[in-house]
Amino acid sequence: MSTSRSRRSPMNESDFQRQVTDLAELTGWAWVHFRPAKTAHGWRVPVQGTLGGGWPDLFLVNPWKHRTLVVELKTDKGKVTPEQAAVHTALRSGGLTVFVWRPADFPEIQRELTA
């Protein structure tokens, strides 16, 4: 029997997003995510406007609970950019609930999506 512990690789953002969106769908939330696309100038998210540069990863709506959540997903070590922070502030000022979620937050995510 080996005495060494197996170490799990940190969850990447794509897998984390799938985990969150799977739970969201199971609990009655509709969601949207705008994917980056490869262009001649590199990877770009096809959004325009003053909020486009820092638009969060997920926009979730639960019509039965009359709730809307805006979510930025980060890996355990990921950092919110200044552009993202500015968009979060603007969305909160507009009355929306904004979260920055990491894989370690999954118990909180479960509570939020099932509340």
Protein backbone atom coordinates (compact mmCIF):
# COMPACT_ATOMS: atom_id res chain seq x y z
CA MET A 1 0.00 0.00 0.00
CA SER A 2 1.40 3.40 -0.97
CA THR A 3 1.75 6.03 1.73
CA SER A 4 1.73 8.95 -0.70
CA ARG A 5 -1.47 10.83 -1.28
CA SER A 6 -2.69 11.36 -4.78
CA ARG A 7 -2.94 15.04 -5.63
CA ARG A 8 -5.73 16.38 -7.75
CA SER A 9 -4.93 18.90 -10.42
CA PRO A 10 -6.50 22.31 -9.88
CA MET A 11 -9.80 22.69 -11.70
CA ASN A 12 -9.55 24.75 -14.87
CA GLU A 13 -12.12 27.47 -15.56
CA SER A 14 -13.84 25.56 -18.35
CA ASP A 15 -14.49 22.50 -16.17
CA PHE A 16 -15.58 24.73 -13.31
CA GLN A 17 -18.00 26.56 -15.60
CA ARG A 18 -19.51 23.24 -16.72
CA GLN A 19 -19.95 22.23 -13.06
CA VAL A 20 -21.75 25.51 -12.27
CA THR A 21 -23.94 25.49 -15.38
CA ASP A 22 -24.90 21.84 -14.88
CA LEU A 23 -26.06 22.67 -11.34
CA ALA A 24 -27.81 25.81 -12.60
CA GLU A 25 -29.80 23.83 -15.15
CA LEU A 26 -30.71 21.16 -12.60
CA THR A 27 -32.06 23.83 -10.25
CA GLY A 28 -34.14 25.80 -12.77
CA TRP A 29 -31.75 28.54 -13.88
CA ALA A 30 -31.39 29.70 -17.49
CA TRP A 31 -27.93 31.00 -18.37
CA VAL A 32 -25.79 32.52 -21.08
CA HIS A 33 -22.03 32.61 -21.63
CA PHE A 34 -20.31 34.48 -24.46
CA ARG A 35 -17.42 32.38 -25.74
CA PRO A 36 -14.19 33.87 -27.08
CA ALA A 37 -13.58 33.33 -30.78
CA LYS A 38 -10.26 33.17 -32.65
CA THR A 39 -9.78 36.20 -34.90
CA ALA A 40 -6.90 37.58 -36.93
CA HIS A 41 -6.07 39.67 -33.85
CA GLY A 42 -6.16 36.82 -31.32
CA TRP A 43 -8.96 35.58 -29.08
CA ARG A 44 -11.86 38.01 -28.73
CA VAL A 45 -15.29 37.88 -27.11
CA PRO A 46 -17.85 39.19 -29.62
CA VAL A 47 -19.41 41.89 -27.45
CA GLN A 48 -19.47 45.63 -27.87
CA GLY A 49 -20.06 48.57 -25.61
CA THR A 50 -18.59 50.16 -22.53
CA LEU A 51 -19.20 47.01 -20.46
CA GLY A 52 -17.85 44.59 -23.06
CA GLY A 53 -14.22 44.49 -21.97
CA GLY A 54 -14.98 43.09 -18.54
CA TRP A 55 -18.30 41.33 -19.08
CA PRO A 56 -18.70 38.43 -16.59
CA ASP A 57 -18.64 34.77 -17.54
CA LEU A 58 -22.24 33.89 -16.72
CA PHE A 59 -25.58 35.67 -16.65
CA LEU A 60 -28.14 33.50 -14.85
CA VAL A 61 -31.89 34.02 -14.54
CA ASN A 62 -34.36 32.03 -12.49
CA PRO A 63 -37.82 33.14 -13.69
CA TRP A 64 -39.63 31.16 -10.98
CA LYS A 65 -37.68 32.82 -8.20
CA HIS A 66 -37.51 36.23 -9.91
CA ARG A 67 -33.74 36.32 -9.47
CA THR A 68 -30.85 37.31 -11.69
CA LEU A 69 -27.21 36.59 -10.93
CA VAL A 70 -24.12 37.78 -12.74
CA VAL A 71 -21.07 35.59 -12.14
CA GLU A 72 -17.36 35.87 -12.82
CA LEU A 73 -15.66 32.47 -12.61
CA LYS A 74 -12.03 32.22 -11.60
CA THR A 75 -9.62 29.40 -10.89
CA ASP A 76 -8.22 29.22 -7.38
CA LYS A 77 -5.37 31.54 -8.37
CA GLY A 78 -7.20 33.64 -10.99
CA LYS A 79 -7.41 37.39 -10.48
CA VAL A 80 -10.20 39.83 -11.34
CA THR A 81 -8.91 42.37 -13.85
CA PRO A 82 -9.46 46.11 -13.39
CA GLU A 83 -11.89 46.04 -16.35
CA GLN A 84 -13.87 43.21 -14.74
CA ALA A 85 -13.97 45.01 -11.39
CA ALA A 86 -15.31 48.15 -13.10
CA VAL A 87 -18.07 46.17 -14.83
CA HIS A 88 -18.96 44.41 -11.57
CA THR A 89 -19.30 47.80 -9.87
CA ALA A 90 -21.50 49.14 -12.69
CA LEU A 91 -23.76 46.06 -12.61
CA ARG A 92 -24.10 46.21 -8.83
CA SER A 93 -24.95 49.92 -9.12
CA GLY A 94 -27.69 48.89 -11.53
CA GLY A 95 -29.19 46.58 -8.90
CA LEU A 96 -27.80 43.23 -10.05
CA THR A 97 -26.27 40.62 -7.78
CA VAL A 98 -22.67 39.95 -8.85
CA PHE A 99 -20.45 37.14 -7.59
CA VAL A 100 -16.87 36.05 -8.18
CA TRP A 101 -16.89 32.29 -7.71
CA ARG A 102 -13.97 29.88 -7.42
CA PRO A 103 -13.99 26.07 -7.20
CA ALA A 104 -13.50 26.29 -3.42
CA ASP A 105 -16.78 28.25 -3.24
CA PHE A 106 -18.88 25.32 -4.46
CA PRO A 107 -20.80 24.87 -1.17
CA GLU A 108 -21.78 28.57 -1.35
CA ILE A 109 -22.67 28.17 -5.05
CA GLN A 110 -24.94 25.24 -4.21
CA ARG A 111 -26.69 27.29 -1.51
CA GLU A 112 -27.12 30.27 -3.84
CA LEU A 113 -28.53 28.26 -6.74
CA THR A 114 -30.87 26.20 -4.59
CA ALA A 115 -32.10 29.05 -2.34
